[in-house]
Amino acid sequence: MKLNSTVVGNGVTVIACHVENLDASNVKSFKEAIQPLLKDQSRVVLNLADVKFVDSSGLGALISALREVNGREGSLKLCALTRSVRALFELMRMNRIFNIYESQDDAVGSY
């Protein structure tokens, strides 16, 4: 699982997820990879531009990450969702749970 983390501007941690599918086959490695990147972070943007497919396991992993950051009274925002992933989020009403932005700049700027 390839995740890149950078801190930008006003202390926002941007995590780019470089995987095509976030599903049952790799959700365990996603959780293991994202855990240390979320540690002690309260302002996080997760860039999902490379993700083409998310299943229920992937949604569960994203919700776990959201809960972890929210537990520190922080916020996790998603950006750059592909059309198919965005449609899934809307179908499952995950767009009511996550703050979703068109671009990484929009998400970072929202802080």
Protein backbone atom coordinates (compact mmCIF):
# COMPACT_ATOMS: atom_id res chain seq x y z
CA MET A 1 0.00 0.00 0.00
CA LYS A 2 1.51 3.30 -1.07
CA LEU A 3 0.50 6.38 0.89
CA ASN A 4 2.42 9.66 0.76
CA SER A 5 2.10 12.21 3.52
CA THR A 6 3.07 15.88 3.34
CA VAL A 7 2.39 18.80 5.62
CA VAL A 8 1.30 21.93 3.79
CA GLY A 9 0.64 25.56 4.58
CA ASN A 10 -1.24 25.89 7.82
CA GLY A 11 -0.30 22.56 9.38
CA VAL A 12 -2.62 20.44 7.26
CA THR A 13 -1.43 16.89 6.63
CA VAL A 14 -2.22 15.73 3.09
CA ILE A 15 -2.19 11.98 2.54
CA ALA A 16 -2.26 10.78 -1.07
CA CYS A 17 -3.53 7.25 -1.58
CA HIS A 18 -1.77 5.66 -4.57
CA VAL A 19 -3.85 2.55 -5.09
CA GLU A 20 -6.45 1.76 -7.74
CA ASN A 21 -8.85 -0.22 -5.54
CA LEU A 22 -9.60 0.14 -1.85
CA ASP A 23 -11.34 -3.13 -1.11
CA ALA A 24 -11.27 -6.30 0.98
CA SER A 25 -8.05 -7.44 -0.72
CA ASN A 26 -5.98 -4.52 0.60
CA VAL A 27 -7.95 -2.81 3.36
CA LYS A 28 -5.77 -4.34 6.08
CA SER A 29 -2.60 -2.94 4.54
CA PHE A 30 -4.36 0.43 4.08
CA LYS A 31 -5.19 0.56 7.78
CA GLU A 32 -1.64 -0.39 8.72
CA ALA A 33 -0.18 2.23 6.39
CA ILE A 34 -2.48 5.10 7.37
CA GLN A 35 -2.34 4.55 11.14
CA PRO A 36 1.13 6.09 11.71
CA LEU A 37 0.33 8.95 9.31
CA LEU A 38 -2.76 9.91 11.31
CA LYS A 39 -1.01 9.76 14.68
CA ASP A 40 -1.33 13.09 16.47
CA GLN A 41 -2.80 14.80 13.40
CA SER A 42 -5.95 16.86 13.71
CA ARG A 43 -6.16 18.48 10.26
CA VAL A 44 -6.03 15.82 7.56
CA VAL A 45 -6.88 15.79 3.85
CA LEU A 46 -7.04 12.40 2.15
CA ASN A 47 -6.49 12.68 -1.60
CA LEU A 48 -8.22 9.81 -3.38
CA ALA A 49 -7.49 10.88 -6.99
CA ASP A 50 -5.88 7.52 -7.88
CA VAL A 51 -8.63 5.39 -6.31
CA LYS A 52 -11.02 4.04 -8.94
CA PHE A 53 -13.06 1.63 -6.81
CA VAL A 54 -14.08 1.39 -3.14
CA ASP A 55 -16.12 -1.46 -1.63
CA SER A 56 -17.78 -1.71 1.78
CA SER A 57 -14.51 -2.78 3.41
CA GLY A 58 -12.82 0.31 1.99
CA LEU A 59 -15.63 2.53 3.26
CA GLY A 60 -15.21 0.95 6.69
CA ALA A 61 -11.49 1.72 6.66
CA LEU A 62 -12.15 5.34 5.73
CA ILE A 63 -14.74 5.63 8.50
CA SER A 64 -12.19 4.21 10.97
CA ALA A 65 -9.68 6.86 9.90
CA LEU A 66 -12.36 9.55 10.29
CA ARG A 67 -13.24 8.34 13.78
CA GLU A 68 -9.60 8.32 14.83
CA VAL A 69 -9.06 11.92 13.75
CA ASN A 70 -12.44 13.05 15.13
CA GLY A 71 -11.51 11.42 18.45
CA ARG A 72 -8.80 14.06 18.79
CA GLU A 73 -11.36 16.75 17.94
CA GLY A 74 -9.82 17.07 14.50
CA SER A 75 -11.25 16.63 11.05
CA LEU A 76 -10.51 14.46 8.06
CA LYS A 77 -11.58 15.72 4.64
CA LEU A 78 -11.60 13.85 1.33
CA CYS A 79 -10.71 15.31 -2.04
CA ALA A 80 -10.35 14.53 -5.73
CA LEU A 81 -12.74 11.59 -5.79
CA THR A 82 -13.22 9.98 -9.19
CA ARG A 83 -16.71 10.07 -10.65
CA SER A 84 -17.41 6.42 -9.78
CA VAL A 85 -16.15 6.73 -6.19
CA ARG A 86 -18.09 9.96 -5.72
CA ALA A 87 -21.25 8.23 -7.01
CA LEU A 88 -20.74 5.41 -4.49
CA PHE A 89 -20.31 7.91 -1.65
CA GLU A 90 -23.54 9.64 -2.66
CA LEU A 91 -25.41 6.35 -3.07
CA MET A 92 -24.31 5.21 0.41
CA ARG A 93 -24.87 8.73 1.78
CA MET A 94 -21.26 8.90 2.91
CA ASN A 95 -21.20 12.45 1.55
CA ARG A 96 -23.19 13.33 4.68
CA ILE A 97 -20.48 11.90 6.93
CA PHE A 98 -17.36 13.09 5.11
CA ASN A 99 -16.50 16.59 3.95
CA ILE A 100 -15.69 16.07 0.26
CA TYR A 101 -13.92 18.61 -1.95
CA GLU A 102 -13.26 18.69 -5.69
CA SER A 103 -9.56 19.49 -5.36
CA GLN A 104 -6.78 19.19 -2.82
CA ASP A 105 -6.38 22.98 -2.79
CA ASP A 106 -10.08 23.41 -1.95
CA ALA A 107 -9.82 20.88 0.91
CA VAL A 108 -6.66 22.44 2.35
CA GLY A 109 -8.13 25.93 1.95
CA SER A 110 -11.22 24.91 3.92
CA TYR A 111 -9.10 24.83 7.07
